[in-house]
Amino acid sequence: QVHLVESGGGLVQPGGSLRLSCAASEFTFNYYVGKWYRQAPGKEREFVAGVVRGGGRTMYADTVKGRFTISTDNVRKTLYLQKNSLKVEETAVYYCEAKAIGTNSEYWGQGTRIIVSS
């Protein structure tokens, strides 16, 4: 059974940094598109960043370009999201997703909460 487990959430001050991790069981991100999404209170889930095949093309929402970096460590089968210059409005639950390339299989983590507040 495939599992994705996020970690790294917590409280951070505006302008601060945080790194999220998403550990995968049963596969490496070489054969998946790994993505991060977030859902702020009272809002719909939105795309944040994505990476193809672990080290290929990356994609970012316009609101995070230049501040967030998505990456993978395929040896450890982990997807990361480095977040810098965080803003209060980026308080949300962050979710990782792994979607198998060429199939409809996709997996979601349980989410990790980030609170950006002074």
C-alpha atoms as a PDB file:
ATOM      1  CA  GLN A   1       0.000   0.000   0.000  1.00  0.00           C
ATOM      2  CA  VAL A   2       1.336   3.382  -1.001  1.00  0.00           C
ATOM      3  CA  HIS A   3       1.734   6.017   1.653  1.00  0.00           C
ATOM      4  CA  LEU A   4       2.821   9.638   1.553  1.00  0.00           C
ATOM      5  CA  VAL A   5       3.728  11.195   4.876  1.00  0.00           C
ATOM      6  CA  GLU A   6       4.311  14.932   5.158  1.00  0.00           C
ATOM      7  CA  SER A   7       6.331  16.596   7.892  1.00  0.00           C
ATOM      8  CA  GLY A   8       7.921  19.940   8.645  1.00  0.00           C
ATOM      9  CA  GLY A   9       4.873  22.027   9.425  1.00  0.00           C
ATOM     10  CA  GLY A  10       4.606  24.424  12.292  1.00  0.00           C
ATOM     11  CA  LEU A  11       4.598  28.059  13.315  1.00  0.00           C
ATOM     12  CA  VAL A  12       6.859  30.515  11.534  1.00  0.00           C
ATOM     13  CA  GLN A  13       7.109  34.301  11.552  1.00  0.00           C
ATOM     14  CA  PRO A  14       6.375  36.365   8.457  1.00  0.00           C
ATOM     15  CA  GLY A  15       9.478  36.480   6.306  1.00  0.00           C
ATOM     16  CA  GLY A  16      10.735  33.229   7.746  1.00  0.00           C
ATOM     17  CA  SER A  17      11.579  29.930   6.090  1.00  0.00           C
ATOM     18  CA  LEU A  18      10.409  26.370   6.424  1.00  0.00           C
ATOM     19  CA  ARG A  19      11.063  23.125   4.596  1.00  0.00           C
ATOM     20  CA  LEU A  20       8.350  20.548   4.119  1.00  0.00           C
ATOM     21  CA  SER A  21       9.058  16.897   3.444  1.00  0.00           C
ATOM     22  CA  CYS A  22       6.890  14.223   1.863  1.00  0.00           C
ATOM     23  CA  ALA A  23       8.199  10.714   2.320  1.00  0.00           C
ATOM     24  CA  ALA A  24       6.966   8.044  -0.077  1.00  0.00           C
ATOM     25  CA  SER A  25       6.735   4.333   0.522  1.00  0.00           C
ATOM     26  CA  GLU A  26       6.793   1.758  -2.242  1.00  0.00           C
ATOM     27  CA  PHE A  27       8.129   4.017  -5.024  1.00  0.00           C
ATOM     28  CA  THR A  28      10.564   6.746  -6.004  1.00  0.00           C
ATOM     29  CA  PHE A  29       9.574   9.996  -7.642  1.00  0.00           C
ATOM     30  CA  ASN A  30      11.453   8.981 -10.806  1.00  0.00           C
ATOM     31  CA  TYR A  31       8.194   7.671 -12.244  1.00  0.00           C
ATOM     32  CA  TYR A  32       5.834  10.227 -10.810  1.00  0.00           C
ATOM     33  CA  VAL A  33       4.919  13.869 -10.927  1.00  0.00           C
ATOM     34  CA  GLY A  34       5.298  15.186  -7.415  1.00  0.00           C
ATOM     35  CA  LYS A  35       3.233  18.199  -6.432  1.00  0.00           C
ATOM     36  CA  TRP A  36       2.491  20.361  -3.439  1.00  0.00           C
ATOM     37  CA  TYR A  37      -0.904  21.935  -2.849  1.00  0.00           C
ATOM     38  CA  ARG A  38      -2.229  24.076  -0.022  1.00  0.00           C
ATOM     39  CA  GLN A  39      -5.628  24.834   1.410  1.00  0.00           C
ATOM     40  CA  ALA A  40      -6.100  27.963   3.462  1.00  0.00           C
ATOM     41  CA  PRO A  41      -8.996  28.268   5.909  1.00  0.00           C
ATOM     42  CA  GLY A  42     -12.242  28.820   4.028  1.00  0.00           C
ATOM     43  CA  LYS A  43     -10.607  28.485   0.606  1.00  0.00           C
ATOM     44  CA  GLU A  44     -10.250  25.806  -2.021  1.00  0.00           C
ATOM     45  CA  ARG A  45      -7.129  23.715  -2.388  1.00  0.00           C
ATOM     46  CA  GLU A  46      -4.654  25.314  -4.774  1.00  0.00           C
ATOM     47  CA  PHE A  47      -1.572  24.175  -6.633  1.00  0.00           C
ATOM     48  CA  VAL A  48       1.756  25.421  -5.280  1.00  0.00           C
ATOM     49  CA  ALA A  49       4.578  23.593  -7.043  1.00  0.00           C
ATOM     50  CA  GLY A  50       5.375  20.465  -9.031  1.00  0.00           C
ATOM     51  CA  VAL A  51       8.321  18.467 -10.365  1.00  0.00           C
ATOM     52  CA  VAL A  52       8.361  15.842 -13.092  1.00  0.00           C
ATOM     53  CA  ARG A  53      10.248  12.574 -12.603  1.00  0.00           C
ATOM     54  CA  GLY A  54      12.061  13.728  -9.511  1.00  0.00           C
ATOM     55  CA  GLY A  55      14.605  15.959 -11.165  1.00  0.00           C
ATOM     56  CA  GLY A  56      12.967  17.185 -14.336  1.00  0.00           C
ATOM     57  CA  ARG A  57      10.793  20.129 -15.199  1.00  0.00           C
ATOM     58  CA  THR A  58       9.523  22.171 -12.289  1.00  0.00           C
ATOM     59  CA  MET A  59       6.346  24.226 -12.101  1.00  0.00           C
ATOM     60  CA  TYR A  60       5.309  26.935  -9.678  1.00  0.00           C
ATOM     61  CA  ALA A  61       2.248  29.000  -8.961  1.00  0.00           C
ATOM     62  CA  ASP A  62       2.906  32.637  -9.803  1.00  0.00           C
ATOM     63  CA  THR A  63       2.430  33.614  -6.165  1.00  0.00           C
ATOM     64  CA  VAL A  64       5.395  31.540  -4.990  1.00  0.00           C
ATOM     65  CA  LYS A  65       7.888  31.855  -7.856  1.00  0.00           C
ATOM     66  CA  GLY A  66      11.278  32.955  -6.631  1.00  0.00           C
ATOM     67  CA  ARG A  67      10.477  32.094  -3.013  1.00  0.00           C
ATOM     68  CA  PHE A  68       9.626  28.385  -3.009  1.00  0.00           C
ATOM     69  CA  THR A  69      11.725  25.547  -4.371  1.00  0.00           C
ATOM     70  CA  ILE A  70      10.517  22.012  -5.002  1.00  0.00           C
ATOM     71  CA  SER A  71      12.998  19.158  -5.102  1.00  0.00           C
ATOM     72  CA  THR A  72      13.369  15.468  -4.495  1.00  0.00           C
ATOM     73  CA  ASP A  73      15.843  13.144  -2.952  1.00  0.00           C
ATOM     74  CA  ASN A  74      15.278   9.956  -4.873  1.00  0.00           C
ATOM     75  CA  VAL A  75      17.537   7.882  -2.684  1.00  0.00           C
ATOM     76  CA  ARG A  76      15.282   8.635   0.219  1.00  0.00           C
ATOM     77  CA  LYS A  77      12.153   8.800  -1.870  1.00  0.00           C
ATOM     78  CA  THR A  78      11.276  12.172  -0.459  1.00  0.00           C
ATOM     79  CA  LEU A  79       9.705  15.270  -1.986  1.00  0.00           C
ATOM     80  CA  TYR A  80      10.654  18.616  -0.486  1.00  0.00           C
ATOM     81  CA  LEU A  81       9.282  22.128  -0.566  1.00  0.00           C
ATOM     82  CA  GLN A  82      11.641  24.852   0.623  1.00  0.00           C
ATOM     83  CA  LYS A  83       9.641  27.951   1.450  1.00  0.00           C
ATOM     84  CA  ASN A  84      11.302  31.313   1.987  1.00  0.00           C
ATOM     85  CA  SER A  85       9.942  34.781   2.720  1.00  0.00           C
ATOM     86  CA  LEU A  86       6.689  33.345   3.994  1.00  0.00           C
ATOM     87  CA  LYS A  87       3.620  35.549   4.168  1.00  0.00           C
ATOM     88  CA  VAL A  88       0.761  35.570   6.644  1.00  0.00           C
ATOM     89  CA  GLU A  89      -1.693  34.705   3.886  1.00  0.00           C
ATOM     90  CA  GLU A  90       0.242  31.488   3.242  1.00  0.00           C
ATOM     91  CA  THR A  91      -1.094  29.990   6.424  1.00  0.00           C
ATOM     92  CA  ALA A  92      -2.624  26.730   5.232  1.00  0.00           C
ATOM     93  CA  VAL A  93      -2.539  22.981   5.309  1.00  0.00           C
ATOM     94  CA  TYR A  94       0.002  21.793   2.756  1.00  0.00           C
ATOM     95  CA  TYR A  95      -0.504  18.501   0.947  1.00  0.00           C
ATOM     96  CA  CYS A  96       1.780  16.498  -1.280  1.00  0.00           C
ATOM     97  CA  GLU A  97       0.569  14.454  -4.216  1.00  0.00           C
ATOM     98  CA  ALA A  98       2.248  11.809  -6.329  1.00  0.00           C
ATOM     99  CA  LYS A  99       0.731  11.044  -9.708  1.00  0.00           C
ATOM    100  CA  ALA A 100       2.085   8.134 -11.702  1.00  0.00           C
ATOM    101  CA  ILE A 101       3.153   9.107 -15.208  1.00  0.00           C
ATOM    102  CA  GLY A 102       1.046   7.380 -17.858  1.00  0.00           C
ATOM    103  CA  THR A 103      -1.626   6.102 -15.481  1.00  0.00           C
ATOM    104  CA  ASN A 104      -4.450   7.517 -13.400  1.00  0.00           C
ATOM    105  CA  SER A 105      -2.891   6.453 -10.126  1.00  0.00           C
ATOM    106  CA  GLU A 106      -2.418   9.245  -7.653  1.00  0.00           C
ATOM    107  CA  TYR A 107      -1.681   9.378  -3.954  1.00  0.00           C
ATOM    108  CA  TRP A 108      -2.088  12.082  -1.353  1.00  0.00           C
ATOM    109  CA  GLY A 109      -0.496  12.751   1.972  1.00  0.00           C
ATOM    110  CA  GLN A 110      -2.440  13.601   5.096  1.00  0.00           C
ATOM    111  CA  GLY A 111      -1.379  17.252   5.107  1.00  0.00           C
ATOM    112  CA  THR A 112       0.826  19.338   7.356  1.00  0.00           C
ATOM    113  CA  ARG A 113      -0.240  22.683   8.798  1.00  0.00           C
ATOM    114  CA  ILE A 114       1.784  25.865   8.420  1.00  0.00           C
ATOM    115  CA  ILE A 115       0.902  28.932  10.465  1.00  0.00           C
ATOM    116  CA  VAL A 116       2.603  32.152   9.466  1.00  0.00           C
ATOM    117  CA  SER A 117       2.159  34.624  12.274  1.00  0.00           C
ATOM    118  CA  SER A 118       4.069  37.049  14.423  1.00  0.00           C
END
